[in-house]
Amino acid sequence: MKRIAALVACIALIGVAASTQDAKWITIVDGKTMGDFGKVGAANWRIEGGALVADKLEGKDPSYLVTKEKYKDFQIQAEFWADEDVNSGIFIRCKSATVINAKDCYEVNIFDKRPDPTYGTGAIVDVAKVVPMPKAAGKWNTYDITARGTRLTVLVNGMQTVNADDSKHAREVIALQYGAGTVKFRNVRIRTL
């Protein structure tokens, strides 16, 4: 009888821990509002059809929506849709909220036509190559990005594309990029680890 009671108590604790862990997710793109982002560069970011969309630059440089919060160890889950000509990505641990690039951040790429495809969709530019590169164009995809200490992992549609160890960037802001083509983001959420 004591074993059954202990087992029931253990199952209850696991259920509480799982629900507590799930409650820590914070939605940063809900498909209804623009969210609480700073902006770098100019694109026609807008909410359309339940997604955050951009398809036109209003200058020559890429545009970014930058979180106001800084993150160290975290997991991001995001759905994205990209056309064939898209140049986009999710930048993590950016040193500055106003200077966003692959030297000062980790750039988790969305770029099927990148001239060097080893750092295309699913890769972290100049850190972790992806071979073969998954093709994202014309459909909804999922990113699951985890940064814990120096360990960086990326999954595209449930398949791991990156498992790297790198210590260049430790803690800072996150940015969604628009550079070319059409990109859509929805159900973007984050939790600290």
C-alpha atoms as a PDB file:
ATOM      1  CA  MET A   1       0.000   0.000   0.000  1.00  0.00           C
ATOM      2  CA  LYS A   2       2.869   2.379   0.846  1.00  0.00           C
ATOM      3  CA  ARG A   3       4.415   1.709  -2.585  1.00  0.00           C
ATOM      4  CA  ILE A   4       1.168   2.599  -4.350  1.00  0.00           C
ATOM      5  CA  ALA A   5       0.838   5.813  -2.330  1.00  0.00           C
ATOM      6  CA  ALA A   6       4.457   6.723  -3.107  1.00  0.00           C
ATOM      7  CA  LEU A   7       3.904   5.993  -6.818  1.00  0.00           C
ATOM      8  CA  VAL A   8       0.744   8.143  -6.897  1.00  0.00           C
ATOM      9  CA  ALA A   9       2.613  10.991  -5.147  1.00  0.00           C
ATOM     10  CA  CYS A  10       5.517  10.695  -7.611  1.00  0.00           C
ATOM     11  CA  ILE A  11       3.146  10.796 -10.620  1.00  0.00           C
ATOM     12  CA  ALA A  12       1.423  13.859  -9.170  1.00  0.00           C
ATOM     13  CA  LEU A  13       4.762  15.635  -8.711  1.00  0.00           C
ATOM     14  CA  ILE A  14       5.763  14.843 -12.285  1.00  0.00           C
ATOM     15  CA  GLY A  15       2.443  16.290 -13.517  1.00  0.00           C
ATOM     16  CA  VAL A  16       2.937  19.469 -11.467  1.00  0.00           C
ATOM     17  CA  ALA A  17       6.527  19.828 -12.693  1.00  0.00           C
ATOM     18  CA  ALA A  18       5.439  19.351 -16.322  1.00  0.00           C
ATOM     19  CA  SER A  19       2.630  21.903 -16.060  1.00  0.00           C
ATOM     20  CA  THR A  20       4.914  24.375 -14.250  1.00  0.00           C
ATOM     21  CA  GLN A  21       7.562  23.953 -16.935  1.00  0.00           C
ATOM     22  CA  ASP A  22       5.002  24.521 -19.700  1.00  0.00           C
ATOM     23  CA  ALA A  23       3.666  27.598 -17.897  1.00  0.00           C
ATOM     24  CA  LYS A  24       7.056  29.285 -18.263  1.00  0.00           C
ATOM     25  CA  TRP A  25       6.609  29.760 -22.024  1.00  0.00           C
ATOM     26  CA  ILE A  26       6.169  33.394 -23.061  1.00  0.00           C
ATOM     27  CA  THR A  27       4.586  34.079 -26.459  1.00  0.00           C
ATOM     28  CA  ILE A  28       6.436  36.872 -28.280  1.00  0.00           C
ATOM     29  CA  VAL A  29       4.592  36.595 -31.624  1.00  0.00           C
ATOM     30  CA  ASP A  30       0.928  35.672 -31.266  1.00  0.00           C
ATOM     31  CA  GLY A  31      -0.348  36.541 -34.761  1.00  0.00           C
ATOM     32  CA  LYS A  32      -2.726  39.170 -33.373  1.00  0.00           C
ATOM     33  CA  THR A  33      -0.443  42.059 -32.415  1.00  0.00           C
ATOM     34  CA  MET A  34       2.971  43.319 -33.488  1.00  0.00           C
ATOM     35  CA  GLY A  35       4.425  42.402 -30.091  1.00  0.00           C
ATOM     36  CA  ASP A  36       6.796  44.384 -27.922  1.00  0.00           C
ATOM     37  CA  PHE A  37       9.861  44.755 -30.133  1.00  0.00           C
ATOM     38  CA  GLY A  38      12.407  47.431 -30.836  1.00  0.00           C
ATOM     39  CA  LYS A  39      13.074  48.006 -34.538  1.00  0.00           C
ATOM     40  CA  VAL A  40      16.340  48.177 -36.428  1.00  0.00           C
ATOM     41  CA  GLY A  41      16.087  49.061 -40.104  1.00  0.00           C
ATOM     42  CA  ALA A  42      12.774  49.386 -41.888  1.00  0.00           C
ATOM     43  CA  ALA A  43      10.546  46.798 -43.498  1.00  0.00           C
ATOM     44  CA  ASN A  44       6.800  46.591 -43.881  1.00  0.00           C
ATOM     45  CA  TRP A  45       6.327  44.355 -40.807  1.00  0.00           C
ATOM     46  CA  ARG A  46       2.635  43.764 -40.179  1.00  0.00           C
ATOM     47  CA  ILE A  47       0.095  41.244 -38.895  1.00  0.00           C
ATOM     48  CA  GLU A  48      -1.672  39.426 -41.709  1.00  0.00           C
ATOM     49  CA  GLY A  49      -3.626  36.163 -41.682  1.00  0.00           C
ATOM     50  CA  GLY A  50      -2.590  35.330 -38.121  1.00  0.00           C
ATOM     51  CA  ALA A  51       1.134  35.813 -38.755  1.00  0.00           C
ATOM     52  CA  LEU A  52       3.818  38.488 -38.499  1.00  0.00           C
ATOM     53  CA  VAL A  53       4.751  39.202 -42.125  1.00  0.00           C
ATOM     54  CA  ALA A  54       7.386  41.193 -44.028  1.00  0.00           C
ATOM     55  CA  ASP A  55       7.896  41.293 -47.796  1.00  0.00           C
ATOM     56  CA  LYS A  56       9.447  44.663 -48.571  1.00  0.00           C
ATOM     57  CA  LEU A  57      12.424  46.637 -47.280  1.00  0.00           C
ATOM     58  CA  GLU A  58      12.069  50.359 -46.888  1.00  0.00           C
ATOM     59  CA  GLY A  59      15.807  50.875 -47.251  1.00  0.00           C
ATOM     60  CA  LYS A  60      18.802  48.884 -48.468  1.00  0.00           C
ATOM     61  CA  ASP A  61      19.767  47.208 -45.173  1.00  0.00           C
ATOM     62  CA  PRO A  62      17.971  44.255 -43.541  1.00  0.00           C
ATOM     63  CA  SER A  63      15.311  44.959 -40.945  1.00  0.00           C
ATOM     64  CA  TYR A  64      14.999  43.417 -37.485  1.00  0.00           C
ATOM     65  CA  LEU A  65      12.443  43.182 -34.718  1.00  0.00           C
ATOM     66  CA  VAL A  66      14.452  43.014 -31.491  1.00  0.00           C
ATOM     67  CA  THR A  67      13.293  41.786 -28.087  1.00  0.00           C
ATOM     68  CA  LYS A  68      13.572  44.243 -25.224  1.00  0.00           C
ATOM     69  CA  GLU A  69      14.451  41.426 -22.830  1.00  0.00           C
ATOM     70  CA  LYS A  70      17.903  39.845 -22.706  1.00  0.00           C
ATOM     71  CA  TYR A  71      18.237  36.065 -22.587  1.00  0.00           C
ATOM     72  CA  LYS A  72      21.062  33.748 -21.537  1.00  0.00           C
ATOM     73  CA  ASP A  73      19.872  30.123 -21.422  1.00  0.00           C
ATOM     74  CA  PHE A  74      16.606  29.617 -23.299  1.00  0.00           C
ATOM     75  CA  GLN A  75      14.550  27.661 -25.783  1.00  0.00           C
ATOM     76  CA  ILE A  76      12.668  29.259 -28.664  1.00  0.00           C
ATOM     77  CA  GLN A  77       9.960  27.548 -30.665  1.00  0.00           C
ATOM     78  CA  ALA A  78       8.776  29.313 -33.809  1.00  0.00           C
ATOM     79  CA  GLU A  79       6.761  28.562 -36.901  1.00  0.00           C
ATOM     80  CA  PHE A  80       7.938  30.251 -40.088  1.00  0.00           C
ATOM     81  CA  TRP A  81       6.904  30.370 -43.728  1.00  0.00           C
ATOM     82  CA  ALA A  82       9.350  31.482 -46.413  1.00  0.00           C
ATOM     83  CA  ASP A  83       9.152  31.920 -50.151  1.00  0.00           C
ATOM     84  CA  GLU A  84      11.971  30.778 -52.442  1.00  0.00           C
ATOM     85  CA  ASP A  85      13.722  34.162 -52.386  1.00  0.00           C
ATOM     86  CA  VAL A  86      13.680  34.722 -48.627  1.00  0.00           C
ATOM     87  CA  ASN A  87      16.693  35.878 -46.670  1.00  0.00           C
ATOM     88  CA  SER A  88      15.674  35.806 -43.028  1.00  0.00           C
ATOM     89  CA  GLY A  89      16.519  34.220 -39.727  1.00  0.00           C
ATOM     90  CA  ILE A  90      16.405  34.341 -35.972  1.00  0.00           C
ATOM     91  CA  PHE A  91      19.377  36.049 -34.353  1.00  0.00           C
ATOM     92  CA  ILE A  92      20.148  35.053 -30.770  1.00  0.00           C
ATOM     93  CA  ARG A  93      22.401  36.399 -28.021  1.00  0.00           C
ATOM     94  CA  CYS A  94      23.053  39.643 -29.910  1.00  0.00           C
ATOM     95  CA  LYS A  95      25.588  41.860 -28.115  1.00  0.00           C
ATOM     96  CA  SER A  96      23.692  45.006 -29.069  1.00  0.00           C
ATOM     97  CA  ALA A  97      20.023  45.816 -29.559  1.00  0.00           C
ATOM     98  CA  THR A  98      20.934  48.176 -32.416  1.00  0.00           C
ATOM     99  CA  VAL A  99      23.727  46.351 -34.289  1.00  0.00           C
ATOM    100  CA  ILE A 100      22.450  43.006 -35.538  1.00  0.00           C
ATOM    101  CA  ASN A 101      24.743  40.812 -37.643  1.00  0.00           C
ATOM    102  CA  ALA A 102      26.352  37.355 -37.735  1.00  0.00           C
ATOM    103  CA  LYS A 103      29.518  38.650 -36.035  1.00  0.00           C
ATOM    104  CA  ASP A 104      27.756  40.054 -32.972  1.00  0.00           C
ATOM    105  CA  CYS A 105      25.002  37.407 -32.734  1.00  0.00           C
ATOM    106  CA  TYR A 106      24.338  33.784 -33.565  1.00  0.00           C
ATOM    107  CA  GLU A 107      22.356  33.824 -36.828  1.00  0.00           C
ATOM    108  CA  VAL A 108      20.032  30.832 -37.163  1.00  0.00           C
ATOM    109  CA  ASN A 109      19.418  31.132 -40.878  1.00  0.00           C
ATOM    110  CA  ILE A 110      16.343  30.932 -43.103  1.00  0.00           C
ATOM    111  CA  PHE A 111      17.916  31.249 -46.539  1.00  0.00           C
ATOM    112  CA  ASP A 112      17.358  28.384 -49.029  1.00  0.00           C
ATOM    113  CA  LYS A 113      19.214  30.171 -51.867  1.00  0.00           C
ATOM    114  CA  ARG A 114      22.255  31.242 -49.835  1.00  0.00           C
ATOM    115  CA  PRO A 115      25.330  31.231 -52.107  1.00  0.00           C
ATOM    116  CA  ASP A 116      27.133  28.975 -49.579  1.00  0.00           C
ATOM    117  CA  PRO A 117      24.351  26.503 -48.703  1.00  0.00           C
ATOM    118  CA  THR A 118      26.347  24.978 -45.830  1.00  0.00           C
ATOM    119  CA  TYR A 119      25.218  28.004 -43.804  1.00  0.00           C
ATOM    120  CA  GLY A 120      21.713  28.132 -45.287  1.00  0.00           C
ATOM    121  CA  THR A 121      18.403  27.237 -43.644  1.00  0.00           C
ATOM    122  CA  GLY A 122      18.955  25.329 -40.402  1.00  0.00           C
ATOM    123  CA  ALA A 123      22.576  26.409 -39.897  1.00  0.00           C
ATOM    124  CA  ILE A 124      24.150  28.902 -37.517  1.00  0.00           C
ATOM    125  CA  VAL A 125      26.159  31.178 -39.791  1.00  0.00           C
ATOM    126  CA  ASP A 126      29.948  30.809 -39.372  1.00  0.00           C
ATOM    127  CA  VAL A 127      29.445  28.457 -36.379  1.00  0.00           C
ATOM    128  CA  ALA A 128      27.637  25.293 -37.450  1.00  0.00           C
ATOM    129  CA  LYS A 129      27.092  24.037 -40.993  1.00  0.00           C
ATOM    130  CA  VAL A 130      24.046  22.076 -42.114  1.00  0.00           C
ATOM    131  CA  VAL A 131      24.455  19.183 -44.556  1.00  0.00           C
ATOM    132  CA  PRO A 132      22.121  18.514 -46.214  1.00  0.00           C
ATOM    133  CA  MET A 133      20.248  21.774 -45.900  1.00  0.00           C
ATOM    134  CA  PRO A 134      16.498  21.388 -45.395  1.00  0.00           C
ATOM    135  CA  LYS A 135      14.380  23.309 -47.881  1.00  0.00           C
ATOM    136  CA  ALA A 136      11.876  25.634 -46.221  1.00  0.00           C
ATOM    137  CA  ALA A 137      10.313  27.453 -49.171  1.00  0.00           C
ATOM    138  CA  GLY A 138       6.583  27.400 -49.746  1.00  0.00           C
ATOM    139  CA  LYS A 139       5.439  25.742 -46.518  1.00  0.00           C
ATOM    140  CA  TRP A 140       5.125  26.263 -42.786  1.00  0.00           C
ATOM    141  CA  ASN A 141       8.153  24.995 -40.861  1.00  0.00           C
ATOM    142  CA  THR A 142       9.141  24.838 -37.219  1.00  0.00           C
ATOM    143  CA  TYR A 143      12.322  25.970 -35.520  1.00  0.00           C
ATOM    144  CA  ASP A 144      13.263  24.728 -32.079  1.00  0.00           C
ATOM    145  CA  ILE A 145      16.381  26.583 -30.932  1.00  0.00           C
ATOM    146  CA  THR A 146      18.058  25.933 -27.579  1.00  0.00           C
ATOM    147  CA  ALA A 147      20.978  27.881 -26.102  1.00  0.00           C
ATOM    148  CA  ARG A 148      22.208  26.499 -22.786  1.00  0.00           C
ATOM    149  CA  GLY A 149      25.653  27.627 -21.704  1.00  0.00           C
ATOM    150  CA  THR A 150      27.929  27.093 -24.687  1.00  0.00           C
ATOM    151  CA  ARG A 151      25.702  24.380 -26.203  1.00  0.00           C
ATOM    152  CA  LEU A 152      23.551  25.438 -29.186  1.00  0.00           C
ATOM    153  CA  THR A 153      21.026  23.111 -30.800  1.00  0.00           C
ATOM    154  CA  VAL A 154      18.662  23.712 -33.693  1.00  0.00           C
ATOM    155  CA  LEU A 155      15.842  21.515 -34.953  1.00  0.00           C
ATOM    156  CA  VAL A 156      13.985  22.171 -38.214  1.00  0.00           C
ATOM    157  CA  ASN A 157      10.669  20.340 -38.428  1.00  0.00           C
ATOM    158  CA  GLY A 158      11.799  18.039 -35.621  1.00  0.00           C
ATOM    159  CA  MET A 159      15.112  17.075 -37.266  1.00  0.00           C
ATOM    160  CA  GLN A 160      18.325  18.241 -35.603  1.00  0.00           C
ATOM    161  CA  THR A 161      20.447  20.381 -37.919  1.00  0.00           C
ATOM    162  CA  VAL A 162      22.863  21.862 -35.358  1.00  0.00           C
ATOM    163  CA  ASN A 163      24.485  20.579 -32.180  1.00  0.00           C
ATOM    164  CA  ALA A 164      27.405  22.910 -31.558  1.00  0.00           C
ATOM    165  CA  ASP A 165      29.543  24.228 -28.750  1.00  0.00           C
ATOM    166  CA  ASP A 166      30.498  27.903 -28.999  1.00  0.00           C
ATOM    167  CA  SER A 167      31.234  30.558 -26.378  1.00  0.00           C
ATOM    168  CA  LYS A 168      31.401  33.805 -28.392  1.00  0.00           C
ATOM    169  CA  HIS A 169      28.037  35.144 -27.250  1.00  0.00           C
ATOM    170  CA  ALA A 170      26.645  34.464 -23.786  1.00  0.00           C
ATOM    171  CA  ARG A 171      23.568  36.593 -23.110  1.00  0.00           C
ATOM    172  CA  GLU A 172      21.645  39.300 -24.879  1.00  0.00           C
ATOM    173  CA  VAL A 173      18.688  40.110 -27.122  1.00  0.00           C
ATOM    174  CA  ILE A 174      16.952  38.083 -29.823  1.00  0.00           C
ATOM    175  CA  ALA A 175      15.939  39.421 -33.245  1.00  0.00           C
ATOM    176  CA  LEU A 176      13.723  38.340 -36.125  1.00  0.00           C
ATOM    177  CA  GLN A 177      15.236  39.303 -39.478  1.00  0.00           C
ATOM    178  CA  TYR A 178      13.816  40.385 -42.802  1.00  0.00           C
ATOM    179  CA  GLY A 179      16.250  40.773 -45.697  1.00  0.00           C
ATOM    180  CA  ALA A 180      14.458  39.669 -48.891  1.00  0.00           C
ATOM    181  CA  GLY A 181      11.535  37.671 -50.258  1.00  0.00           C
ATOM    182  CA  THR A 182       8.512  37.023 -48.062  1.00  0.00           C
ATOM    183  CA  VAL A 183       8.734  35.681 -44.513  1.00  0.00           C
ATOM    184  CA  LYS A 184       6.022  34.952 -41.974  1.00  0.00           C
ATOM    185  CA  PHE A 185       6.373  34.095 -38.293  1.00  0.00           C
ATOM    186  CA  ARG A 186       3.684  32.763 -35.993  1.00  0.00           C
ATOM    187  CA  ASN A 187       3.469  31.059 -32.605  1.00  0.00           C
ATOM    188  CA  VAL A 188       6.913  32.294 -31.554  1.00  0.00           C
ATOM    189  CA  ARG A 189       7.479  31.550 -27.893  1.00  0.00           C
ATOM    190  CA  ILE A 190      10.412  31.448 -25.527  1.00  0.00           C
ATOM    191  CA  ARG A 191      11.212  30.073 -22.112  1.00  0.00           C
ATOM    192  CA  THR A 192      14.263  30.511 -19.943  1.00  0.00           C
ATOM    193  CA  LEU A 193      16.140  27.410 -18.853  1.00  0.00           C
END
